[in-house]
Amino acid sequence: MTEPDEQYRLARQRVHRLRGFYVHVIVYLAVNALLFAINLLTPGPLWFYWPLLGWGIGLIAHGLTLSGFAFLGPEWEQRKIREYMNREKPPSARPPTSEGH
């Protein structure tokens, strides 16, 4: 794959993830607005903020992964893939590590 093709693939992947986040935000707002209305129109204590809070934590986590703040992000995946691939190779075929071993 040439570099422009790879850049296009990565840009398309980022746009796809961003669109997924925007859909998540829209669904979050719509569902929680409905839950808020149901809660206000029915007797009893207020409870709408519990799903708002719980789902909001997930929404924040989703947004953080888009900004590059991800504990288990793409860099971690690539590192683990290399680690597992190196385990499968005989020691003589392994590339030298950056740690000087």
PDB file of N, CA and C in Angstrom:
ATOM      1  N   MET A   1       0.856  -1.179   0.000  1.00  0.00           N
ATOM      2  CA  MET A   1       0.000   0.000   0.000  1.00  0.00           C
ATOM      3  C   MET A   1       0.899   1.237   0.000  1.00  0.00           C
ATOM      4  N   THR A   2       0.610   2.164  -0.887  1.00  0.00           N
ATOM      5  CA  THR A   2       1.419   3.376  -0.964  1.00  0.00           C
ATOM      6  C   THR A   2       1.058   4.328   0.171  1.00  0.00           C
ATOM      7  N   GLU A   3       1.936   5.294   0.391  1.00  0.00           N
ATOM      8  CA  GLU A   3       1.729   6.228   1.503  1.00  0.00           C
ATOM      9  C   GLU A   3       0.429   7.028   1.370  1.00  0.00           C
ATOM     10  N   PRO A   4       0.097   7.592   0.182  1.00  0.00           N
ATOM     11  CA  PRO A   4      -1.187   8.310   0.076  1.00  0.00           C
ATOM     12  C   PRO A   4      -2.390   7.405   0.352  1.00  0.00           C
ATOM     13  N   ASP A   5      -2.300   6.141  -0.081  1.00  0.00           N
ATOM     14  CA  ASP A   5      -3.394   5.201   0.194  1.00  0.00           C
ATOM     15  C   ASP A   5      -3.530   4.948   1.688  1.00  0.00           C
ATOM     16  N   GLU A   6      -2.395   4.799   2.351  1.00  0.00           N
ATOM     17  CA  GLU A   6      -2.398   4.568   3.795  1.00  0.00           C
ATOM     18  C   GLU A   6      -2.933   5.794   4.534  1.00  0.00           C
ATOM     19  N   GLN A   7      -2.537   6.989   4.101  1.00  0.00           N
ATOM     20  CA  GLN A   7      -3.043   8.213   4.720  1.00  0.00           C
ATOM     21  C   GLN A   7      -4.551   8.314   4.547  1.00  0.00           C
ATOM     22  N   TYR A   8      -5.023   7.984   3.342  1.00  0.00           N
ATOM     23  CA  TYR A   8      -6.467   8.022   3.086  1.00  0.00           C
ATOM     24  C   TYR A   8      -7.192   7.023   3.982  1.00  0.00           C
ATOM     25  N   ARG A   9      -6.646   5.817   4.099  1.00  0.00           N
ATOM     26  CA  ARG A   9      -7.272   4.783   4.922  1.00  0.00           C
ATOM     27  C   ARG A   9      -7.350   5.239   6.378  1.00  0.00           C
ATOM     28  N   LEU A  10      -6.258   5.825   6.889  1.00  0.00           N
ATOM     29  CA  LEU A  10      -6.252   6.296   8.276  1.00  0.00           C
ATOM     30  C   LEU A  10      -7.214   7.462   8.482  1.00  0.00           C
ATOM     31  N   ALA A  11      -7.255   8.392   7.521  1.00  0.00           N
ATOM     32  CA  ALA A  11      -8.184   9.526   7.622  1.00  0.00           C
ATOM     33  C   ALA A  11      -9.628   9.039   7.585  1.00  0.00           C
ATOM     34  N   ARG A  12      -9.908   8.098   6.692  1.00  0.00           N
ATOM     35  CA  ARG A  12     -11.264   7.544   6.598  1.00  0.00           C
ATOM     36  C   ARG A  12     -11.655   6.837   7.890  1.00  0.00           C
ATOM     37  N   GLN A  13     -10.712   6.122   8.484  1.00  0.00           N
ATOM     38  CA  GLN A  13     -10.963   5.428   9.751  1.00  0.00           C
ATOM     39  C   GLN A  13     -11.270   6.432  10.863  1.00  0.00           C
ATOM     40  N   ARG A  14     -10.511   7.530  10.915  1.00  0.00           N
ATOM     41  CA  ARG A  14     -10.751   8.555  11.942  1.00  0.00           C
ATOM     42  C   ARG A  14     -12.111   9.215  11.757  1.00  0.00           C
ATOM     43  N   VAL A  15     -12.482   9.498  10.502  1.00  0.00           N
ATOM     44  CA  VAL A  15     -13.785  10.106  10.219  1.00  0.00           C
ATOM     45  C   VAL A  15     -14.905   9.150  10.618  1.00  0.00           C
ATOM     46  N   HIS A  16     -14.720   7.867  10.355  1.00  0.00           N
ATOM     47  CA  HIS A  16     -15.718   6.862  10.731  1.00  0.00           C
ATOM     48  C   HIS A  16     -15.894   6.830  12.254  1.00  0.00           C
ATOM     49  N   ARG A  17     -14.779   6.874  12.990  1.00  0.00           N
ATOM     50  CA  ARG A  17     -14.850   6.881  14.457  1.00  0.00           C
ATOM     51  C   ARG A  17     -15.509   8.163  14.972  1.00  0.00           C
ATOM     52  N   LEU A  18     -15.186   9.297  14.345  1.00  0.00           N
ATOM     53  CA  LEU A  18     -15.776  10.568  14.756  1.00  0.00           C
ATOM     54  C   LEU A  18     -17.283  10.563  14.520  1.00  0.00           C
ATOM     55  N   ARG A  19     -17.706  10.035  13.369  1.00  0.00           N
ATOM     56  CA  ARG A  19     -19.136   9.939  13.090  1.00  0.00           C
ATOM     57  C   ARG A  19     -19.826   9.054  14.126  1.00  0.00           C
ATOM     58  N   GLY A  20     -19.186   7.969  14.500  1.00  0.00           N
ATOM     59  CA  GLY A  20     -19.736   7.098  15.538  1.00  0.00           C
ATOM     60  C   GLY A  20     -19.909   7.828  16.859  1.00  0.00           C
ATOM     61  N   PHE A  21     -18.949   8.680  17.187  1.00  0.00           N
ATOM     62  CA  PHE A  21     -19.057   9.461  18.422  1.00  0.00           C
ATOM     63  C   PHE A  21     -20.213  10.452  18.340  1.00  0.00           C
ATOM     64  N   TYR A  22     -20.357  11.130  17.193  1.00  0.00           N
ATOM     65  CA  TYR A  22     -21.458  12.083  17.030  1.00  0.00           C
ATOM     66  C   TYR A  22     -22.812  11.385  17.143  1.00  0.00           C
ATOM     67  N   VAL A  23     -22.924  10.208  16.565  1.00  0.00           N
ATOM     68  CA  VAL A  23     -24.169   9.435  16.698  1.00  0.00           C
ATOM     69  C   VAL A  23     -24.403   9.094  18.162  1.00  0.00           C
ATOM     70  N   HIS A  24     -23.344   8.713  18.871  1.00  0.00           N
ATOM     71  CA  HIS A  24     -23.449   8.390  20.294  1.00  0.00           C
ATOM     72  C   HIS A  24     -23.965   9.594  21.084  1.00  0.00           C
ATOM     73  N   VAL A  25     -23.444  10.789  20.791  1.00  0.00           N
ATOM     74  CA  VAL A  25     -23.878  12.010  21.482  1.00  0.00           C
ATOM     75  C   VAL A  25     -25.354  12.286  21.197  1.00  0.00           C
ATOM     76  N   ILE A  26     -25.770  12.160  19.941  1.00  0.00           N
ATOM     77  CA  ILE A  26     -27.172  12.426  19.573  1.00  0.00           C
ATOM     78  C   ILE A  26     -28.113  11.459  20.273  1.00  0.00           C
ATOM     79  N   VAL A  27     -27.761  10.177  20.273  1.00  0.00           N
ATOM     80  CA  VAL A  27     -28.606   9.175  20.944  1.00  0.00           C
ATOM     81  C   VAL A  27     -28.630   9.443  22.451  1.00  0.00           C
ATOM     82  N   TYR A  28     -27.484   9.781  23.023  1.00  0.00           N
ATOM     83  CA  TYR A  28     -27.404  10.100  24.457  1.00  0.00           C
ATOM     84  C   TYR A  28     -28.349  11.247  24.808  1.00  0.00           C
ATOM     85  N   LEU A  29     -28.302  12.316  24.018  1.00  0.00           N
ATOM     86  CA  LEU A  29     -29.158  13.470  24.285  1.00  0.00           C
ATOM     87  C   LEU A  29     -30.633  13.143  24.113  1.00  0.00           C
ATOM     88  N   ALA A  30     -30.968  12.432  23.048  1.00  0.00           N
ATOM     89  CA  ALA A  30     -32.370  12.106  22.778  1.00  0.00           C
ATOM     90  C   ALA A  30     -32.950  11.188  23.849  1.00  0.00           C
ATOM     91  N   VAL A  31     -32.239  10.128  24.174  1.00  0.00           N
ATOM     92  CA  VAL A  31     -32.749   9.166  25.164  1.00  0.00           C
ATOM     93  C   VAL A  31     -32.849   9.822  26.538  1.00  0.00           C
ATOM     94  N   ASN A  32     -31.839  10.589  26.909  1.00  0.00           N
ATOM     95  CA  ASN A  32     -31.879  11.203  28.239  1.00  0.00           C
ATOM     96  C   ASN A  32     -32.908  12.316  28.332  1.00  0.00           C
ATOM     97  N   ALA A  33     -33.189  13.006  27.224  1.00  0.00           N
ATOM     98  CA  ALA A  33     -34.281  13.991  27.223  1.00  0.00           C
ATOM     99  C   ALA A  33     -35.609  13.279  27.440  1.00  0.00           C
ATOM    100  N   LEU A  34     -35.772  12.133  26.798  1.00  0.00           N
ATOM    101  CA  LEU A  34     -36.996  11.339  26.973  1.00  0.00           C
ATOM    102  C   LEU A  34     -37.117  10.841  28.410  1.00  0.00           C
ATOM    103  N   LEU A  35     -36.033  10.336  28.965  1.00  0.00           N
ATOM    104  CA  LEU A  35     -36.064   9.867  30.356  1.00  0.00           C
ATOM    105  C   LEU A  35     -36.361  11.015  31.324  1.00  0.00           C
ATOM    106  N   PHE A  36     -35.816  12.182  31.048  1.00  0.00           N
ATOM    107  CA  PHE A  36     -36.079  13.360  31.878  1.00  0.00           C
ATOM    108  C   PHE A  36     -37.573  13.707  31.837  1.00  0.00           C
ATOM    109  N   ALA A  37     -38.138  13.707  30.635  1.00  0.00           N
ATOM    110  CA  ALA A  37     -39.565  14.026  30.492  1.00  0.00           C
ATOM    111  C   ALA A  37     -40.429  12.988  31.204  1.00  0.00           C
ATOM    112  N   ILE A  38     -40.102  11.715  31.031  1.00  0.00           N
ATOM    113  CA  ILE A  38     -40.865  10.655  31.701  1.00  0.00           C
ATOM    114  C   ILE A  38     -40.784  10.833  33.205  1.00  0.00           C
ATOM    115  N   ASN A  39     -39.605  11.124  33.715  1.00  0.00           N
ATOM    116  CA  ASN A  39     -39.423  11.290  35.143  1.00  0.00           C
ATOM    117  C   ASN A  39     -40.231  12.469  35.690  1.00  0.00           C
ATOM    118  N   LEU A  40     -40.271  13.569  34.930  1.00  0.00           N
ATOM    119  CA  LEU A  40     -41.017  14.732  35.395  1.00  0.00           C
ATOM    120  C   LEU A  40     -42.525  14.539  35.288  1.00  0.00           C
ATOM    121  N   LEU A  41     -42.969  13.727  34.348  1.00  0.00           N
ATOM    122  CA  LEU A  41     -44.404  13.515  34.137  1.00  0.00           C
ATOM    123  C   LEU A  41     -44.990  12.395  34.980  1.00  0.00           C
ATOM    124  N   THR A  42     -44.165  11.664  35.687  1.00  0.00           N
ATOM    125  CA  THR A  42     -44.659  10.584  36.537  1.00  0.00           C
ATOM    126  C   THR A  42     -44.380  10.918  37.994  1.00  0.00           C
ATOM    127  N   PRO A  43     -45.251  10.449  38.884  1.00  0.00           N
ATOM    128  CA  PRO A  43     -45.026  10.739  40.308  1.00  0.00           C
ATOM    129  C   PRO A  43     -43.834   9.941  40.840  1.00  0.00           C
ATOM    130  N   GLY A  44     -43.273  10.454  41.885  1.00  0.00           N
ATOM    131  CA  GLY A  44     -42.158   9.759  42.522  1.00  0.00           C
ATOM    132  C   GLY A  44     -40.905  10.619  42.536  1.00  0.00           C
ATOM    133  N   PRO A  45     -39.871  10.042  43.104  1.00  0.00           N
ATOM    134  CA  PRO A  45     -38.618  10.810  43.218  1.00  0.00           C
ATOM    135  C   PRO A  45     -37.937  10.975  41.854  1.00  0.00           C
ATOM    136  N   LEU A  46     -37.037  11.936  41.801  1.00  0.00           N
ATOM    137  CA  LEU A  46     -36.268  12.142  40.572  1.00  0.00           C
ATOM    138  C   LEU A  46     -35.184  11.065  40.460  1.00  0.00           C
ATOM    139  N   TRP A  47     -35.121  10.452  39.307  1.00  0.00           N
ATOM    140  CA  TRP A  47     -34.129   9.404  39.064  1.00  0.00           C
ATOM    141  C   TRP A  47     -33.410   9.587  37.726  1.00  0.00           C
ATOM    142  N   PHE A  48     -33.836  10.544  36.918  1.00  0.00           N
ATOM    143  CA  PHE A  48     -33.301  10.688  35.562  1.00  0.00           C
ATOM    144  C   PHE A  48     -31.798  10.893  35.528  1.00  0.00           C
ATOM    145  N   TYR A  49     -31.244  11.464  36.601  1.00  0.00           N
ATOM    146  CA  TYR A  49     -29.822  11.784  36.596  1.00  0.00           C
ATOM    147  C   TYR A  49     -28.931  10.545  36.711  1.00  0.00           C
ATOM    148  N   TRP A  50     -29.454   9.412  37.187  1.00  0.00           N
ATOM    149  CA  TRP A  50     -28.629   8.205  37.292  1.00  0.00           C
ATOM    150  C   TRP A  50     -28.224   7.667  35.918  1.00  0.00           C
ATOM    151  N   PRO A  51     -29.180   7.464  34.996  1.00  0.00           N
ATOM    152  CA  PRO A  51     -28.742   7.035  33.656  1.00  0.00           C
ATOM    153  C   PRO A  51     -27.927   8.123  32.954  1.00  0.00           C
ATOM    154  N   LEU A  52     -28.263   9.384  33.205  1.00  0.00           N
ATOM    155  CA  LEU A  52     -27.507  10.489  32.624  1.00  0.00           C
ATOM    156  C   LEU A  52     -26.037  10.416  33.061  1.00  0.00           C
ATOM    157  N   LEU A  53     -25.819  10.168  34.338  1.00  0.00           N
ATOM    158  CA  LEU A  53     -24.467  10.081  34.881  1.00  0.00           C
ATOM    159  C   LEU A  53     -23.730   8.836  34.375  1.00  0.00           C
ATOM    160  N   GLY A  54     -24.375   7.692  34.482  1.00  0.00           N
ATOM    161  CA  GLY A  54     -23.729   6.443  34.064  1.00  0.00           C
ATOM    162  C   GLY A  54     -23.361   6.441  32.595  1.00  0.00           C
ATOM    163  N   TRP A  55     -24.311   6.798  31.759  1.00  0.00           N
ATOM    164  CA  TRP A  55     -24.062   6.827  30.325  1.00  0.00           C
ATOM    165  C   TRP A  55     -23.088   7.953  29.971  1.00  0.00           C
ATOM    166  N   GLY A  56     -23.156   9.047  30.728  1.00  0.00           N
ATOM    167  CA  GLY A  56     -22.241  10.164  30.507  1.00  0.00           C
ATOM    168  C   GLY A  56     -20.787   9.768  30.714  1.00  0.00           C
ATOM    169  N   ILE A  57     -20.539   8.909  31.683  1.00  0.00           N
ATOM    170  CA  ILE A  57     -19.174   8.417  31.905  1.00  0.00           C
ATOM    171  C   ILE A  57     -18.701   7.653  30.671  1.00  0.00           C
ATOM    172  N   GLY A  58     -19.567   6.819  30.122  1.00  0.00           N
ATOM    173  CA  GLY A  58     -19.220   6.086  28.909  1.00  0.00           C
ATOM    174  C   GLY A  58     -18.995   7.011  27.724  1.00  0.00           C
ATOM    175  N   LEU A  59     -19.813   8.041  27.618  1.00  0.00           N
ATOM    176  CA  LEU A  59     -19.670   9.008  26.531  1.00  0.00           C
ATOM    177  C   LEU A  59     -18.344   9.770  26.639  1.00  0.00           C
ATOM    178  N   ILE A  60     -17.976  10.144  27.843  1.00  0.00           N
ATOM    179  CA  ILE A  60     -16.688  10.820  28.055  1.00  0.00           C
ATOM    180  C   ILE A  60     -15.535   9.890  27.671  1.00  0.00           C
ATOM    181  N   ALA A  61     -15.635   8.628  28.065  1.00  0.00           N
ATOM    182  CA  ALA A  61     -14.590   7.664  27.706  1.00  0.00           C
ATOM    183  C   ALA A  61     -14.484   7.520  26.193  1.00  0.00           C
ATOM    184  N   HIS A  62     -15.622   7.480  25.520  1.00  0.00           N
ATOM    185  CA  HIS A  62     -15.642   7.390  24.057  1.00  0.00           C
ATOM    186  C   HIS A  62     -14.935   8.613  23.456  1.00  0.00           C
ATOM    187  N   GLY A  63     -15.251   9.786  23.950  1.00  0.00           N
ATOM    188  CA  GLY A  63     -14.620  11.002  23.454  1.00  0.00           C
ATOM    189  C   GLY A  63     -13.119  11.035  23.715  1.00  0.00           C
ATOM    190  N   LEU A  64     -12.701  10.548  24.863  1.00  0.00           N
ATOM    191  CA  LEU A  64     -11.270  10.525  25.185  1.00  0.00           C
ATOM    192  C   LEU A  64     -10.503   9.607  24.238  1.00  0.00           C
ATOM    193  N   THR A  65     -11.116   8.510  23.843  1.00  0.00           N
ATOM    194  CA  THR A  65     -10.424   7.619  22.903  1.00  0.00           C
ATOM    195  C   THR A  65     -10.213   8.299  21.558  1.00  0.00           C
ATOM    196  N   LEU A  66     -11.119   9.189  21.171  1.00  0.00           N
ATOM    197  CA  LEU A  66     -10.956   9.913  19.904  1.00  0.00           C
ATOM    198  C   LEU A  66      -9.843  10.945  19.987  1.00  0.00           C
ATOM    199  N   SER A  67      -9.635  11.501  21.147  1.00  0.00           N
ATOM    200  CA  SER A  67      -8.615  12.539  21.300  1.00  0.00           C
ATOM    201  C   SER A  67      -7.218  11.955  21.434  1.00  0.00           C
ATOM    202  N   GLY A  68      -7.118  10.644  21.406  1.00  0.00           N
ATOM    203  CA  GLY A  68      -5.810  10.013  21.513  1.00  0.00           C
ATOM    204  C   GLY A  68      -5.481   9.567  22.926  1.00  0.00           C
ATOM    205  N   PHE A  69      -6.313   9.906  23.884  1.00  0.00           N
ATOM    206  CA  PHE A  69      -6.096   9.483  25.262  1.00  0.00           C
ATOM    207  C   PHE A  69      -6.777   8.139  25.445  1.00  0.00           C
ATOM    208  N   ALA A  70      -6.014   7.108  25.232  1.00  0.00           N
ATOM    209  CA  ALA A  70      -6.580   5.772  25.371  1.00  0.00           C
ATOM    210  C   ALA A  70      -5.528   4.850  25.964  1.00  0.00           C
ATOM    211  N   PHE A  71      -5.821   4.325  27.117  1.00  0.00           N
ATOM    212  CA  PHE A  71      -4.905   3.410  27.788  1.00  0.00           C
ATOM    213  C   PHE A  71      -4.643   2.192  26.902  1.00  0.00           C
ATOM    214  N   LEU A  72      -5.670   1.692  26.262  1.00  0.00           N
ATOM    215  CA  LEU A  72      -5.548   0.517  25.399  1.00  0.00           C
ATOM    216  C   LEU A  72      -5.802   0.915  23.952  1.00  0.00           C
ATOM    217  N   GLY A  73      -5.119   1.941  23.492  1.00  0.00           N
ATOM    218  CA  GLY A  73      -5.317   2.464  22.149  1.00  0.00           C
ATOM    219  C   GLY A  73      -4.531   1.731  21.080  1.00  0.00           C
ATOM    220  N   PRO A  74      -4.487   2.302  19.891  1.00  0.00           N
ATOM    221  CA  PRO A  74      -3.820   1.666  18.751  1.00  0.00           C
ATOM    222  C   PRO A  74      -2.334   1.390  18.986  1.00  0.00           C
ATOM    223  N   GLU A  75      -1.631   2.291  19.677  1.00  0.00           N
ATOM    224  CA  GLU A  75      -0.210   2.067  19.938  1.00  0.00           C
ATOM    225  C   GLU A  75      -0.023   0.838  20.818  1.00  0.00           C
ATOM    226  N   TRP A  76      -0.864   0.684  21.823  1.00  0.00           N
ATOM    227  CA  TRP A  76      -0.805  -0.481  22.690  1.00  0.00           C
ATOM    228  C   TRP A  76      -1.061  -1.740  21.880  1.00  0.00           C
ATOM    229  N   GLU A  77      -2.068  -1.680  20.997  1.00  0.00           N
ATOM    230  CA  GLU A  77      -2.377  -2.840  20.159  1.00  0.00           C
ATOM    231  C   GLU A  77      -1.182  -3.237  19.306  1.00  0.00           C
ATOM    232  N   GLN A  78      -0.549  -2.252  18.673  1.00  0.00           N
ATOM    233  CA  GLN A  78       0.609  -2.547  17.827  1.00  0.00           C
ATOM    234  C   GLN A  78       1.759  -3.146  18.641  1.00  0.00           C
ATOM    235  N   ARG A  79       1.985  -2.616  19.832  1.00  0.00           N
ATOM    236  CA  ARG A  79       3.033  -3.148  20.702  1.00  0.00           C
ATOM    237  C   ARG A  79       2.760  -4.606  21.056  1.00  0.00           C
ATOM    238  N   LYS A  80       1.498  -4.893  21.418  1.00  0.00           N
ATOM    239  CA  LYS A  80       1.138  -6.265  21.791  1.00  0.00           C
ATOM    240  C   LYS A  80       1.235  -7.200  20.596  1.00  0.00           C
ATOM    241  N   ILE A  81       0.849  -6.735  19.417  1.00  0.00           N
ATOM    242  CA  ILE A  81       0.956  -7.562  18.213  1.00  0.00           C
ATOM    243  C   ILE A  81       2.416  -7.921  17.971  1.00  0.00           C
ATOM    244  N   ARG A  82       3.311  -6.925  18.035  1.00  0.00           N
ATOM    245  CA  ARG A  82       4.742  -7.206  17.845  1.00  0.00           C
ATOM    246  C   ARG A  82       5.256  -8.169  18.908  1.00  0.00           C
ATOM    247  N   GLU A  83       4.797  -7.971  20.151  1.00  0.00           N
ATOM    248  CA  GLU A  83       5.234  -8.840  21.243  1.00  0.00           C
ATOM    249  C   GLU A  83       4.829 -10.285  20.974  1.00  0.00           C
ATOM    250  N   TYR A  84       3.584 -10.516  20.592  1.00  0.00           N
ATOM    251  CA  TYR A  84       3.117 -11.876  20.327  1.00  0.00           C
ATOM    252  C   TYR A  84       3.778 -12.478  19.090  1.00  0.00           C
ATOM    253  N   MET A  85       3.991 -11.655  18.087  1.00  0.00           N
ATOM    254  CA  MET A  85       4.653 -12.158  16.893  1.00  0.00           C
ATOM    255  C   MET A  85       6.094 -12.561  17.195  1.00  0.00           C
ATOM    256  N   ASN A  86       6.776 -11.802  18.039  1.00  0.00           N
ATOM    257  CA  ASN A  86       8.152 -12.135  18.401  1.00  0.00           C
ATOM    258  C   ASN A  86       8.223 -13.398  19.247  1.00  0.00           C
ATOM    259  N   ARG A  87       7.197 -13.676  20.031  1.00  0.00           N
ATOM    260  CA  ARG A  87       7.169 -14.909  20.830  1.00  0.00           C
ATOM    261  C   ARG A  87       7.109 -16.142  19.933  1.00  0.00           C
ATOM    262  N   GLU A  88       6.471 -15.993  18.770  1.00  0.00           N
ATOM    263  CA  GLU A  88       6.300 -17.117  17.863  1.00  0.00           C
ATOM    264  C   GLU A  88       7.582 -17.436  17.095  1.00  0.00           C
ATOM    265  N   LYS A  89       8.489 -16.481  16.980  1.00  0.00           N
ATOM    266  CA  LYS A  89       9.716 -16.665  16.203  1.00  0.00           C
ATOM    267  C   LYS A  89      10.785 -17.334  17.051  1.00  0.00           C
ATOM    268  N   PRO A  90      11.668 -18.093  16.403  1.00  0.00           N
ATOM    269  CA  PRO A  90      12.820 -18.604  17.149  1.00  0.00           C
ATOM    270  C   PRO A  90      13.734 -17.436  17.523  1.00  0.00           C
ATOM    271  N   PRO A  91      14.497 -17.530  18.596  1.00  0.00           N
ATOM    272  CA  PRO A  91      15.334 -16.414  19.055  1.00  0.00           C
ATOM    273  C   PRO A  91      16.256 -15.848  17.977  1.00  0.00           C
ATOM    274  N   SER A  92      16.776 -16.676  17.080  1.00  0.00           N
ATOM    275  CA  SER A  92      17.703 -16.182  16.056  1.00  0.00           C
ATOM    276  C   SER A  92      16.999 -15.302  15.029  1.00  0.00           C
ATOM    277  N   ALA A  93      15.674 -15.429  14.876  1.00  0.00           N
ATOM    278  CA  ALA A  93      14.930 -14.659  13.885  1.00  0.00           C
ATOM    279  C   ALA A  93      14.319 -13.388  14.451  1.00  0.00           C
ATOM    280  N   ARG A  94      14.459 -13.184  15.743  1.00  0.00           N
ATOM    281  CA  ARG A  94      13.859 -11.999  16.384  1.00  0.00           C
ATOM    282  C   ARG A  94      14.695 -10.759  16.088  1.00  0.00           C
ATOM    283  N   PRO A  95      14.015  -9.643  15.830  1.00  0.00           N
ATOM    284  CA  PRO A  95      14.762  -8.395  15.629  1.00  0.00           C
ATOM    285  C   PRO A  95      15.356  -7.921  16.949  1.00  0.00           C
ATOM    286  N   PRO A  96      16.436  -7.174  16.889  1.00  0.00           N
ATOM    287  CA  PRO A  96      17.028  -6.661  18.145  1.00  0.00           C
ATOM    288  C   PRO A  96      16.048  -5.693  18.814  1.00  0.00           C
ATOM    289  N   THR A  97      16.032  -5.712  20.135  1.00  0.00           N
ATOM    290  CA  THR A  97      15.149  -4.811  20.880  1.00  0.00           C
ATOM    291  C   THR A  97      15.847  -3.493  21.102  1.00  0.00           C
ATOM    292  N   SER A  98      15.067  -2.463  21.381  1.00  0.00           N
ATOM    293  CA  SER A  98      15.633  -1.133  21.631  1.00  0.00           C
ATOM    294  C   SER A  98      16.243  -1.035  23.021  1.00  0.00           C
ATOM    295  N   GLU A  99      16.073  -2.074  23.823  1.00  0.00           N
ATOM    296  CA  GLU A  99      16.578  -2.051  25.193  1.00  0.00           C
ATOM    297  C   GLU A  99      18.038  -2.493  25.259  1.00  0.00           C
ATOM    298  N   GLY A 100      18.625  -2.864  24.107  1.00  0.00           N
ATOM    299  CA  GLY A 100      20.034  -3.229  24.091  1.00  0.00           C
ATOM    300  C   GLY A 100      20.303  -4.655  24.477  1.00  0.00           C
ATOM    301  N   HIS A 101      19.291  -5.534  24.507  1.00  0.00           N
ATOM    302  CA  HIS A 101      19.499  -6.947  24.875  1.00  0.00           C
ATOM    303  C   HIS A 101      19.887  -7.754  23.683  1.00  0.00           C
TER     304      HIS A 101
END
